[in-house]
Amino acid sequence: MATGISPLIHERRLKVGGRSIQIVLILFGALTAGCGHKSKSVSDLCSDLRALSSWTEQVDLFIGYIEDEKATNDYALGHVRYIDSEVKEAFKDLEEATAEPQLDPLLRECRQHYSFLIEQVGRLQLNLKNPSVLDDIKNEIQRIHAASERTRAIL
């Protein structure tokens, strides 16, 4: 039931153990929490690209680990799923971010690098036992790494 206090505040009464309790929900705060878009600075973009570089290096090394048969299939799949989840979370943050007009092209480029990495990690999940595809993924990962380093050098 809406109160006359504010259209953004709602009041409810619940019966708990024979007693009536009052619950007030502040909908505006609940609905907008975490919805703000972060504006990326040069430093933020450098950090995002450094993280991307780290992820590409980790995937590259892990593919070598898989090729050397040092990981069980279950371990490899679990680790690749972990990487996939983390990279997708970073990409989501980038998708929700904004930047000053002069940085917007670099933000878009950073998003594109992350998108390419997500694509390759997805391929990796499906091809853990396919050496020829692993080589191709490794080459693509190295290209993404080099491209992200070039982008970071611009900043």
Foldseek 3Di string as FASTA:
>chain_A
DDDPPDPQKRWDWDQDPNDTDIDIDRNVCVVCVPLDAAEDDLVNLLVLLVVLLVLLVVLLVVLVCLVVVVDDLVRSLVVLVVSLVVLVVSLVNLVRHHYDPVCRVLSVVSNVLSVQLNVLSVVCNVPSPPVVSSVVSSVSSVVSSVSSVVSNVVD
